[in-house]
């Protein structure tokens, strides 16, 4: 898990626009179905088998919680249909949205 800290309100504005679009769409789900999204994290890997020492992993994550890893700018979003593990063979890009960032 990688923590993210947005530098402005762009992510929140995008989420609010998505919330509005979901309400208008008549779809049964919303982006806040489980909880209101407020974070900007990224899952950078998923384990394919159960961990043998999960406590050790948690200790390492805590140790490196505040270690900076750099920054990046997002210029494209993809709406995808995928399985939980986002396996390439099971992922279909439904739409790409270009954000107009330079």
PDB file of N, CA and C in Angstrom:
ATOM      1  N   UNK A   1       0.855  -1.167   0.000  1.00  0.00           N
ATOM      2  CA  UNK A   1       0.000   0.000   0.000  1.00  0.00           C
ATOM      3  C   UNK A   1       0.895   1.221   0.000  1.00  0.00           C
ATOM      4  N   UNK A   2       0.568   2.154  -0.847  1.00  0.00           N
ATOM      5  CA  UNK A   2       1.307   3.409  -0.924  1.00  0.00           C
ATOM      6  C   UNK A   2       0.334   4.527  -0.607  1.00  0.00           C
ATOM      7  N   UNK A   3       0.679   5.345   0.386  1.00  0.00           N
ATOM      8  CA  UNK A   3      -0.158   6.487   0.733  1.00  0.00           C
ATOM      9  C   UNK A   3       0.061   7.602  -0.261  1.00  0.00           C
ATOM     10  N   UNK A   4      -1.009   8.304  -0.575  1.00  0.00           N
ATOM     11  CA  UNK A   4      -0.883   9.463  -1.438  1.00  0.00           C
ATOM     12  C   UNK A   4      -1.469  10.679  -0.761  1.00  0.00           C
ATOM     13  N   UNK A   5      -0.914  11.819  -1.063  1.00  0.00           N
ATOM     14  CA  UNK A   5      -1.375  13.072  -0.484  1.00  0.00           C
ATOM     15  C   UNK A   5      -1.557  14.082  -1.606  1.00  0.00           C
ATOM     16  N   UNK A   6      -2.794  14.272  -2.066  1.00  0.00           N
ATOM     17  CA  UNK A   6      -3.030  15.216  -3.163  1.00  0.00           C
ATOM     18  C   UNK A   6      -2.556  16.617  -2.789  1.00  0.00           C
ATOM     19  N   UNK A   7      -2.045  17.323  -3.783  1.00  0.00           N
ATOM     20  CA  UNK A   7      -1.542  18.672  -3.548  1.00  0.00           C
ATOM     21  C   UNK A   7      -2.604  19.741  -3.731  1.00  0.00           C
ATOM     22  N   UNK A   8      -3.778  19.351  -4.262  1.00  0.00           N
ATOM     23  CA  UNK A   8      -4.872  20.305  -4.433  1.00  0.00           C
ATOM     24  C   UNK A   8      -6.196  19.544  -4.339  1.00  0.00           C
ATOM     25  N   UNK A   9      -7.297  20.183  -4.734  1.00  0.00           N
ATOM     26  CA  UNK A   9      -8.608  19.560  -4.581  1.00  0.00           C
ATOM     27  C   UNK A   9      -9.090  18.831  -5.840  1.00  0.00           C
ATOM     28  N   UNK A  10      -8.214  18.610  -6.815  1.00  0.00           N
ATOM     29  CA  UNK A  10      -8.601  17.991  -8.080  1.00  0.00           C
ATOM     30  C   UNK A  10      -9.238  16.621  -7.878  1.00  0.00           C
ATOM     31  N   UNK A  11      -8.642  15.782  -7.046  1.00  0.00           N
ATOM     32  CA  UNK A  11      -9.178  14.437  -6.819  1.00  0.00           C
ATOM     33  C   UNK A  11     -10.567  14.500  -6.197  1.00  0.00           C
ATOM     34  N   UNK A  12     -10.771  15.362  -5.222  1.00  0.00           N
ATOM     35  CA  UNK A  12     -12.093  15.495  -4.607  1.00  0.00           C
ATOM     36  C   UNK A  12     -13.128  16.029  -5.590  1.00  0.00           C
ATOM     37  N   UNK A  13     -12.736  16.977  -6.448  1.00  0.00           N
ATOM     38  CA  UNK A  13     -13.669  17.492  -7.448  1.00  0.00           C
ATOM     39  C   UNK A  13     -14.057  16.392  -8.433  1.00  0.00           C
ATOM     40  N   UNK A  14     -13.087  15.581  -8.850  1.00  0.00           N
ATOM     41  CA  UNK A  14     -13.363  14.470  -9.758  1.00  0.00           C
ATOM     42  C   UNK A  14     -14.314  13.468  -9.105  1.00  0.00           C
ATOM     43  N   UNK A  15     -14.064  13.130  -7.856  1.00  0.00           N
ATOM     44  CA  UNK A  15     -14.952  12.196  -7.150  1.00  0.00           C
ATOM     45  C   UNK A  15     -16.362  12.755  -7.020  1.00  0.00           C
ATOM     46  N   UNK A  16     -16.486  14.042  -6.738  1.00  0.00           N
ATOM     47  CA  UNK A  16     -17.820  14.634  -6.623  1.00  0.00           C
ATOM     48  C   UNK A  16     -18.554  14.604  -7.962  1.00  0.00           C
ATOM     49  N   UNK A  17     -17.840  14.836  -9.056  1.00  0.00           N
ATOM     50  CA  UNK A  17     -18.454  14.731 -10.374  1.00  0.00           C
ATOM     51  C   UNK A  17     -18.901  13.294 -10.650  1.00  0.00           C
ATOM     52  N   UNK A  18     -18.090  12.314 -10.231  1.00  0.00           N
ATOM     53  CA  UNK A  18     -18.484  10.909 -10.391  1.00  0.00           C
ATOM     54  C   UNK A  18     -19.714  10.580  -9.553  1.00  0.00           C
ATOM     55  N   UNK A  19     -19.756  11.087  -8.333  1.00  0.00           N
ATOM     56  CA  UNK A  19     -20.934  10.859  -7.481  1.00  0.00           C
ATOM     57  C   UNK A  19     -22.202  11.385  -8.157  1.00  0.00           C
ATOM     58  N   UNK A  20     -22.117  12.582  -8.705  1.00  0.00           N
ATOM     59  CA  UNK A  20     -23.261  13.182  -9.397  1.00  0.00           C
ATOM     60  C   UNK A  20     -23.665  12.328 -10.595  1.00  0.00           C
ATOM     61  N   UNK A  21     -22.689  11.896 -11.375  1.00  0.00           N
ATOM     62  CA  UNK A  21     -22.978  11.064 -12.542  1.00  0.00           C
ATOM     63  C   UNK A  21     -23.607   9.733 -12.132  1.00  0.00           C
ATOM     64  N   UNK A  22     -23.131   9.120 -11.054  1.00  0.00           N
ATOM     65  CA  UNK A  22     -23.712   7.865 -10.575  1.00  0.00           C
ATOM     66  C   UNK A  22     -25.167   8.065 -10.163  1.00  0.00           C
ATOM     67  N   UNK A  23     -25.445   9.157  -9.448  1.00  0.00           N
ATOM     68  CA  UNK A  23     -26.824   9.412  -9.013  1.00  0.00           C
ATOM     69  C   UNK A  23     -27.755   9.564 -10.210  1.00  0.00           C
ATOM     70  N   UNK A  24     -27.291  10.221 -11.253  1.00  0.00           N
ATOM     71  CA  UNK A  24     -28.101  10.435 -12.458  1.00  0.00           C
ATOM     72  C   UNK A  24     -28.246   9.171 -13.302  1.00  0.00           C
ATOM     73  N   UNK A  25     -27.327   8.230 -13.162  1.00  0.00           N
ATOM     74  CA  UNK A  25     -27.292   7.072 -14.056  1.00  0.00           C
ATOM     75  C   UNK A  25     -28.351   6.021 -13.752  1.00  0.00           C
ATOM     76  N   UNK A  26     -28.857   5.988 -12.528  1.00  0.00           N
ATOM     77  CA  UNK A  26     -29.800   4.943 -12.157  1.00  0.00           C
ATOM     78  C   UNK A  26     -29.130   3.624 -11.790  1.00  0.00           C
ATOM     79  N   UNK A  27     -27.808   3.602 -11.787  1.00  0.00           N
ATOM     80  CA  UNK A  27     -27.106   2.380 -11.382  1.00  0.00           C
ATOM     81  C   UNK A  27     -27.344   2.121  -9.898  1.00  0.00           C
ATOM     82  N   UNK A  28     -27.310   0.869  -9.520  1.00  0.00           N
ATOM     83  CA  UNK A  28     -27.603   0.501  -8.138  1.00  0.00           C
ATOM     84  C   UNK A  28     -26.428   0.716  -7.199  1.00  0.00           C
ATOM     85  N   UNK A  29     -25.251   0.926  -7.705  1.00  0.00           N
ATOM     86  CA  UNK A  29     -24.073   1.099  -6.863  1.00  0.00           C
ATOM     87  C   UNK A  29     -23.572   2.520  -6.972  1.00  0.00           C
ATOM     88  N   UNK A  30     -22.797   2.918  -6.001  1.00  0.00           N
ATOM     89  CA  UNK A  30     -22.144   4.219  -6.053  1.00  0.00           C
ATOM     90  C   UNK A  30     -20.710   4.039  -5.602  1.00  0.00           C
ATOM     91  N   UNK A  31     -19.906   5.070  -5.807  1.00  0.00           N
ATOM     92  CA  UNK A  31     -18.512   4.958  -5.392  1.00  0.00           C
ATOM     93  C   UNK A  31     -18.374   4.971  -3.872  1.00  0.00           C
ATOM     94  N   UNK A  32     -19.435   5.339  -3.162  1.00  0.00           N
ATOM     95  CA  UNK A  32     -19.398   5.376  -1.704  1.00  0.00           C
ATOM     96  C   UNK A  32     -20.157   4.206  -1.086  1.00  0.00           C
ATOM     97  N   UNK A  33     -20.323   3.124  -1.832  1.00  0.00           N
ATOM     98  CA  UNK A  33     -21.137   2.010  -1.342  1.00  0.00           C
ATOM     99  C   UNK A  33     -20.613   1.466  -0.017  1.00  0.00           C
ATOM    100  N   UNK A  34     -19.295   1.311   0.093  1.00  0.00           N
ATOM    101  CA  UNK A  34     -18.729   0.785   1.335  1.00  0.00           C
ATOM    102  C   UNK A  34     -18.400   1.890   2.324  1.00  0.00           C
ATOM    103  N   UNK A  35     -17.855   2.989   1.837  1.00  0.00           N
ATOM    104  CA  UNK A  35     -17.470   4.126   2.671  1.00  0.00           C
ATOM    105  C   UNK A  35     -17.157   5.286   1.745  1.00  0.00           C
ATOM    106  N   UNK A  36     -17.216   6.492   2.271  1.00  0.00           N
ATOM    107  CA  UNK A  36     -16.896   7.668   1.462  1.00  0.00           C
ATOM    108  C   UNK A  36     -15.389   7.707   1.205  1.00  0.00           C
ATOM    109  N   UNK A  37     -15.020   7.751  -0.060  1.00  0.00           N
ATOM    110  CA  UNK A  37     -13.607   7.769  -0.413  1.00  0.00           C
ATOM    111  C   UNK A  37     -13.004   9.129  -0.104  1.00  0.00           C
ATOM    112  N   UNK A  38     -11.887   9.119   0.624  1.00  0.00           N
ATOM    113  CA  UNK A  38     -11.209  10.357   0.964  1.00  0.00           C
ATOM    114  C   UNK A  38      -9.703  10.232   0.797  1.00  0.00           C
ATOM    115  N   UNK A  39      -9.211   9.058   0.473  1.00  0.00           N
ATOM    116  CA  UNK A  39      -7.776   8.834   0.418  1.00  0.00           C
ATOM    117  C   UNK A  39      -7.268   8.844  -1.010  1.00  0.00           C
ATOM    118  N   UNK A  40      -5.977   8.817  -1.146  1.00  0.00           N
ATOM    119  CA  UNK A  40      -5.338   8.751  -2.460  1.00  0.00           C
ATOM    120  C   UNK A  40      -4.222   7.717  -2.383  1.00  0.00           C
ATOM    121  N   UNK A  41      -4.590   6.486  -2.124  1.00  0.00           N
ATOM    122  CA  UNK A  41      -3.584   5.434  -2.009  1.00  0.00           C
ATOM    123  C   UNK A  41      -3.547   4.602  -3.278  1.00  0.00           C
ATOM    124  N   UNK A  42      -2.538   3.767  -3.356  1.00  0.00           N
ATOM    125  CA  UNK A  42      -2.411   2.881  -4.507  1.00  0.00           C
ATOM    126  C   UNK A  42      -1.980   1.512  -4.017  1.00  0.00           C
ATOM    127  N   UNK A  43      -2.627   0.489  -4.525  1.00  0.00           N
ATOM    128  CA  UNK A  43      -2.187  -0.866  -4.247  1.00  0.00           C
ATOM    129  C   UNK A  43      -1.144  -1.202  -5.296  1.00  0.00           C
ATOM    130  N   UNK A  44       0.066  -1.472  -4.873  1.00  0.00           N
ATOM    131  CA  UNK A  44       1.151  -1.686  -5.827  1.00  0.00           C
ATOM    132  C   UNK A  44       1.447  -3.167  -6.071  1.00  0.00           C
ATOM    133  N   UNK A  45       0.877  -4.036  -5.248  1.00  0.00           N
ATOM    134  CA  UNK A  45       1.002  -5.470  -5.475  1.00  0.00           C
ATOM    135  C   UNK A  45      -0.073  -6.196  -4.708  1.00  0.00           C
ATOM    136  N   UNK A  46      -0.368  -7.399  -5.154  1.00  0.00           N
ATOM    137  CA  UNK A  46      -1.300  -8.273  -4.454  1.00  0.00           C
ATOM    138  C   UNK A  46      -0.647  -9.633  -4.329  1.00  0.00           C
ATOM    139  N   UNK A  47      -0.890 -10.289  -3.219  1.00  0.00           N
ATOM    140  CA  UNK A  47      -0.305 -11.610  -2.988  1.00  0.00           C
ATOM    141  C   UNK A  47      -1.209 -12.680  -3.589  1.00  0.00           C
ATOM    142  N   UNK A  48      -0.603 -13.668  -4.210  1.00  0.00           N
ATOM    143  CA  UNK A  48      -1.376 -14.738  -4.839  1.00  0.00           C
ATOM    144  C   UNK A  48      -1.591 -15.920  -3.915  1.00  0.00           C
ATOM    145  N   UNK A  49      -0.876 -15.948  -2.799  1.00  0.00           N
ATOM    146  CA  UNK A  49      -1.053 -17.010  -1.805  1.00  0.00           C
ATOM    147  C   UNK A  49      -1.066 -16.361  -0.421  1.00  0.00           C
ATOM    148  N   UNK A  50      -1.621 -17.041   0.559  1.00  0.00           N
ATOM    149  CA  UNK A  50      -1.624 -16.478   1.926  1.00  0.00           C
ATOM    150  C   UNK A  50      -0.200 -16.231   2.433  1.00  0.00           C
ATOM    151  N   UNK A  51      -0.046 -15.171   3.199  1.00  0.00           N
ATOM    152  CA  UNK A  51       1.257 -14.840   3.772  1.00  0.00           C
ATOM    153  C   UNK A  51       1.612 -15.817   4.888  1.00  0.00           C
ATOM    154  N   UNK A  52       2.890 -16.169   4.958  1.00  0.00           N
ATOM    155  CA  UNK A  52       3.351 -17.050   6.026  1.00  0.00           C
ATOM    156  C   UNK A  52       3.635 -16.271   7.309  1.00  0.00           C
ATOM    157  N   UNK A  53       4.038 -15.001   7.170  1.00  0.00           N
ATOM    158  CA  UNK A  53       4.378 -14.168   8.329  1.00  0.00           C
ATOM    159  C   UNK A  53       3.723 -12.786   8.187  1.00  0.00           C
ATOM    160  N   UNK A  54       2.413 -12.716   8.280  1.00  0.00           N
ATOM    161  CA  UNK A  54       1.757 -11.414   8.089  1.00  0.00           C
ATOM    162  C   UNK A  54       2.177 -10.364   9.112  1.00  0.00           C
ATOM    163  N   UNK A  55       2.478 -10.767  10.331  1.00  0.00           N
ATOM    164  CA  UNK A  55       2.911  -9.801  11.347  1.00  0.00           C
ATOM    165  C   UNK A  55       4.219  -9.129  10.947  1.00  0.00           C
ATOM    166  N   UNK A  56       5.105  -9.884  10.306  1.00  0.00           N
ATOM    167  CA  UNK A  56       6.374  -9.321   9.845  1.00  0.00           C
ATOM    168  C   UNK A  56       6.138  -8.289   8.739  1.00  0.00           C
ATOM    169  N   UNK A  57       5.215  -8.573   7.835  1.00  0.00           N
ATOM    170  CA  UNK A  57       4.885  -7.611   6.781  1.00  0.00           C
ATOM    171  C   UNK A  57       4.312  -6.331   7.392  1.00  0.00           C
ATOM    172  N   UNK A  58       3.402  -6.474   8.337  1.00  0.00           N
ATOM    173  CA  UNK A  58       2.807  -5.302   8.984  1.00  0.00           C
ATOM    174  C   UNK A  58       3.885  -4.481   9.681  1.00  0.00           C
ATOM    175  N   UNK A  59       4.822  -5.132  10.328  1.00  0.00           N
ATOM    176  CA  UNK A  59       5.910  -4.418  10.997  1.00  0.00           C
ATOM    177  C   UNK A  59       6.751  -3.637   9.986  1.00  0.00           C
ATOM    178  N   UNK A  60       7.047  -4.235   8.837  1.00  0.00           N
ATOM    179  CA  UNK A  60       7.815  -3.544   7.795  1.00  0.00           C
ATOM    180  C   UNK A  60       7.039  -2.355   7.236  1.00  0.00           C
ATOM    181  N   UNK A  61       5.742  -2.543   7.004  1.00  0.00           N
ATOM    182  CA  UNK A  61       4.918  -1.438   6.509  1.00  0.00           C
ATOM    183  C   UNK A  61       4.915  -0.278   7.498  1.00  0.00           C
ATOM    184  N   UNK A  62       4.776  -0.596   8.764  1.00  0.00           N
ATOM    185  CA  UNK A  62       4.796   0.464   9.788  1.00  0.00           C
ATOM    186  C   UNK A  62       6.143   1.169   9.816  1.00  0.00           C
ATOM    187  N   UNK A  63       7.216   0.384   9.690  1.00  0.00           N
ATOM    188  CA  UNK A  63       8.566   0.951   9.718  1.00  0.00           C
ATOM    189  C   UNK A  63       8.769   1.939   8.565  1.00  0.00           C
ATOM    190  N   UNK A  64       8.200   1.638   7.401  1.00  0.00           N
ATOM    191  CA  UNK A  64       8.403   2.469   6.219  1.00  0.00           C
ATOM    192  C   UNK A  64       7.220   3.383   5.904  1.00  0.00           C
ATOM    193  N   UNK A  65       6.295   3.515   6.842  1.00  0.00           N
ATOM    194  CA  UNK A  65       5.078   4.278   6.594  1.00  0.00           C
ATOM    195  C   UNK A  65       5.347   5.699   6.124  1.00  0.00           C
ATOM    196  N   UNK A  66       6.370   6.321   6.617  1.00  0.00           N
ATOM    197  CA  UNK A  66       6.638   7.717   6.274  1.00  0.00           C
ATOM    198  C   UNK A  66       7.843   7.871   5.346  1.00  0.00           C
ATOM    199  N   UNK A  67       8.262   6.802   4.715  1.00  0.00           N
ATOM    200  CA  UNK A  67       9.368   6.854   3.767  1.00  0.00           C
ATOM    201  C   UNK A  67       8.876   7.432   2.446  1.00  0.00           C
ATOM    202  N   UNK A  68       9.416   8.573   2.010  1.00  0.00           N
ATOM    203  CA  UNK A  68       8.961   9.146   0.739  1.00  0.00           C
ATOM    204  C   UNK A  68       9.415   8.281  -0.443  1.00  0.00           C
ATOM    205  N   UNK A  69       8.549   8.142  -1.425  1.00  0.00           N
ATOM    206  CA  UNK A  69       8.917   7.361  -2.608  1.00  0.00           C
ATOM    207  C   UNK A  69       8.821   8.184  -3.885  1.00  0.00           C
ATOM    208  N   UNK A  70       8.518   9.460  -3.766  1.00  0.00           N
ATOM    209  CA  UNK A  70       8.466  10.319  -4.940  1.00  0.00           C
ATOM    210  C   UNK A  70       7.065  10.801  -5.241  1.00  0.00           C
ATOM    211  N   UNK A  71       6.936  11.447  -6.370  1.00  0.00           N
ATOM    212  CA  UNK A  71       5.659  11.998  -6.805  1.00  0.00           C
ATOM    213  C   UNK A  71       5.398  11.618  -8.257  1.00  0.00           C
ATOM    214  N   UNK A  72       4.163  11.747  -8.674  1.00  0.00           N
ATOM    215  CA  UNK A  72       3.818  11.558 -10.075  1.00  0.00           C
ATOM    216  C   UNK A  72       2.551  12.336 -10.376  1.00  0.00           C
ATOM    217  N   UNK A  73       2.356  12.621 -11.642  1.00  0.00           N
ATOM    218  CA  UNK A  73       1.170  13.347 -12.078  1.00  0.00           C
ATOM    219  C   UNK A  73       0.328  12.419 -12.935  1.00  0.00           C
ATOM    220  N   UNK A  74      -0.961  12.391 -12.665  1.00  0.00           N
ATOM    221  CA  UNK A  74      -1.889  11.553 -13.413  1.00  0.00           C
ATOM    222  C   UNK A  74      -2.462  12.365 -14.568  1.00  0.00           C
ATOM    223  N   UNK A  75      -2.363  11.816 -15.785  1.00  0.00           N
ATOM    224  CA  UNK A  75      -2.932  12.527 -16.930  1.00  0.00           C
ATOM    225  C   UNK A  75      -4.038  11.729 -17.613  1.00  0.00           C
ATOM    226  N   UNK A  76      -4.218  10.462 -17.222  1.00  0.00           N
ATOM    227  CA  UNK A  76      -5.230   9.607 -17.833  1.00  0.00           C
ATOM    228  C   UNK A  76      -5.844   8.704 -16.769  1.00  0.00           C
ATOM    229  N   UNK A  77      -7.149   8.556 -16.817  1.00  0.00           N
ATOM    230  CA  UNK A  77      -7.852   7.597 -15.969  1.00  0.00           C
ATOM    231  C   UNK A  77      -8.458   6.536 -16.869  1.00  0.00           C
ATOM    232  N   UNK A  78      -8.523   5.305 -16.369  1.00  0.00           N
ATOM    233  CA  UNK A  78      -9.158   4.231 -17.127  1.00  0.00           C
ATOM    234  C   UNK A  78     -10.300   3.639 -16.309  1.00  0.00           C
ATOM    235  N   UNK A  79     -11.447   3.506 -16.943  1.00  0.00           N
ATOM    236  CA  UNK A  79     -12.569   2.783 -16.367  1.00  0.00           C
ATOM    237  C   UNK A  79     -12.442   1.357 -16.889  1.00  0.00           C
ATOM    238  N   UNK A  80     -12.298   0.406 -15.962  1.00  0.00           N
ATOM    239  CA  UNK A  80     -12.053  -0.971 -16.378  1.00  0.00           C
ATOM    240  C   UNK A  80     -13.055  -1.924 -15.757  1.00  0.00           C
ATOM    241  N   UNK A  81     -13.273  -3.028 -16.454  1.00  0.00           N
ATOM    242  CA  UNK A  81     -13.989  -4.177 -15.918  1.00  0.00           C
ATOM    243  C   UNK A  81     -12.909  -5.184 -15.599  1.00  0.00           C
ATOM    244  N   UNK A  82     -12.877  -5.683 -14.354  1.00  0.00           N
ATOM    245  CA  UNK A  82     -11.793  -6.582 -13.968  1.00  0.00           C
ATOM    246  C   UNK A  82     -12.208  -7.488 -12.823  1.00  0.00           C
ATOM    247  N   UNK A  83     -11.383  -8.489 -12.569  1.00  0.00           N
ATOM    248  CA  UNK A  83     -11.580  -9.312 -11.386  1.00  0.00           C
ATOM    249  C   UNK A  83     -10.852  -8.649 -10.216  1.00  0.00           C
ATOM    250  N   UNK A  84     -10.987  -9.212  -9.038  1.00  0.00           N
ATOM    251  CA  UNK A  84     -10.406  -8.623  -7.826  1.00  0.00           C
ATOM    252  C   UNK A  84      -8.910  -8.395  -7.962  1.00  0.00           C
ATOM    253  N   UNK A  85      -8.209  -9.296  -8.643  1.00  0.00           N
ATOM    254  CA  UNK A  85      -6.752  -9.213  -8.752  1.00  0.00           C
ATOM    255  C   UNK A  85      -6.299  -8.404  -9.961  1.00  0.00           C
ATOM    256  N   UNK A  86      -7.219  -7.902 -10.712  1.00  0.00           N
ATOM    257  CA  UNK A  86      -6.965  -7.110 -11.909  1.00  0.00           C
ATOM    258  C   UNK A  86      -5.955  -7.814 -12.822  1.00  0.00           C
ATOM    259  N   UNK A  87      -6.180  -9.111 -13.001  1.00  0.00           N
ATOM    260  CA  UNK A  87      -5.340  -9.891 -13.911  1.00  0.00           C
ATOM    261  C   UNK A  87      -5.525  -9.354 -15.319  1.00  0.00           C
ATOM    262  N   UNK A  88      -4.419  -9.232 -16.046  1.00  0.00           N
ATOM    263  CA  UNK A  88      -4.464  -8.668 -17.400  1.00  0.00           C
ATOM    264  C   UNK A  88      -5.444  -9.427 -18.286  1.00  0.00           C
ATOM    265  N   UNK A  89      -5.480 -10.742 -18.166  1.00  0.00           N
ATOM    266  CA  UNK A  89      -6.363 -11.548 -19.015  1.00  0.00           C
ATOM    267  C   UNK A  89      -7.839 -11.287 -18.722  1.00  0.00           C
ATOM    268  N   UNK A  90      -8.147 -10.807 -17.522  1.00  0.00           N
ATOM    269  CA  UNK A  90      -9.533 -10.576 -17.117  1.00  0.00           C
ATOM    270  C   UNK A  90      -9.898  -9.097 -17.053  1.00  0.00           C
ATOM    271  N   UNK A  91      -9.028  -8.233 -17.537  1.00  0.00           N
ATOM    272  CA  UNK A  91      -9.260  -6.791 -17.463  1.00  0.00           C
ATOM    273  C   UNK A  91      -9.588  -6.245 -18.848  1.00  0.00           C
ATOM    274  N   UNK A  92     -10.684  -5.506 -18.910  1.00  0.00           N
ATOM    275  CA  UNK A  92     -11.110  -4.879 -20.164  1.00  0.00           C
ATOM    276  C   UNK A  92     -11.217  -3.375 -19.913  1.00  0.00           C
ATOM    277  N   UNK A  93     -10.516  -2.587 -20.697  1.00  0.00           N
ATOM    278  CA  UNK A  93     -10.615  -1.127 -20.588  1.00  0.00           C
ATOM    279  C   UNK A  93     -11.914  -0.702 -21.266  1.00  0.00           C
ATOM    280  N   UNK A  94     -12.828  -0.144 -20.490  1.00  0.00           N
ATOM    281  CA  UNK A  94     -14.108   0.311 -21.023  1.00  0.00           C
ATOM    282  C   UNK A  94     -14.013   1.720 -21.611  1.00  0.00           C
ATOM    283  N   UNK A  95     -13.200   2.547 -20.981  1.00  0.00           N
ATOM    284  CA  UNK A  95     -13.064   3.932 -21.447  1.00  0.00           C
ATOM    285  C   UNK A  95     -11.788   4.524 -20.868  1.00  0.00           C
ATOM    286  N   UNK A  96     -11.173   5.419 -21.617  1.00  0.00           N
ATOM    287  CA  UNK A  96     -10.019   6.192 -21.145  1.00  0.00           C
ATOM    288  C   UNK A  96     -10.437   7.654 -21.077  1.00  0.00           C
ATOM    289  N   UNK A  97     -10.050   8.303 -20.008  1.00  0.00           N
ATOM    290  CA  UNK A  97     -10.371   9.716 -19.818  1.00  0.00           C
ATOM    291  C   UNK A  97      -9.060  10.490 -19.701  1.00  0.00           C
ATOM    292  N   UNK A  98      -8.822  11.396 -20.629  1.00  0.00           N
ATOM    293  CA  UNK A  98      -7.614  12.207 -20.610  1.00  0.00           C
ATOM    294  C   UNK A  98      -7.922  13.481 -19.831  1.00  0.00           C
ATOM    295  N   UNK A  99      -7.074  13.778 -18.877  1.00  0.00           N
ATOM    296  CA  UNK A  99      -7.340  14.870 -17.959  1.00  0.00           C
ATOM    297  C   UNK A  99      -6.782  16.213 -18.441  1.00  0.00           C
ATOM    298  N   UNK A 100      -6.043  16.218 -19.504  1.00  0.00           N
ATOM    299  CA  UNK A 100      -5.538  17.472 -20.037  1.00  0.00           C
ATOM    300  C   UNK A 100      -4.374  18.049 -19.256  1.00  0.00           C
ATOM    301  N   UNK A 101      -3.702  17.219 -18.470  1.00  0.00           N
ATOM    302  CA  UNK A 101      -2.528  17.678 -17.722  1.00  0.00           C
ATOM    303  C   UNK A 101      -1.344  17.754 -18.669  1.00  0.00           C
ATOM    304  N   UNK A 102      -0.422  18.627 -18.367  1.00  0.00           N
ATOM    305  CA  UNK A 102       0.777  18.726 -19.212  1.00  0.00           C
ATOM    306  C   UNK A 102       1.931  17.983 -18.604  1.00  0.00           C
TER     307      UNK A 102
END
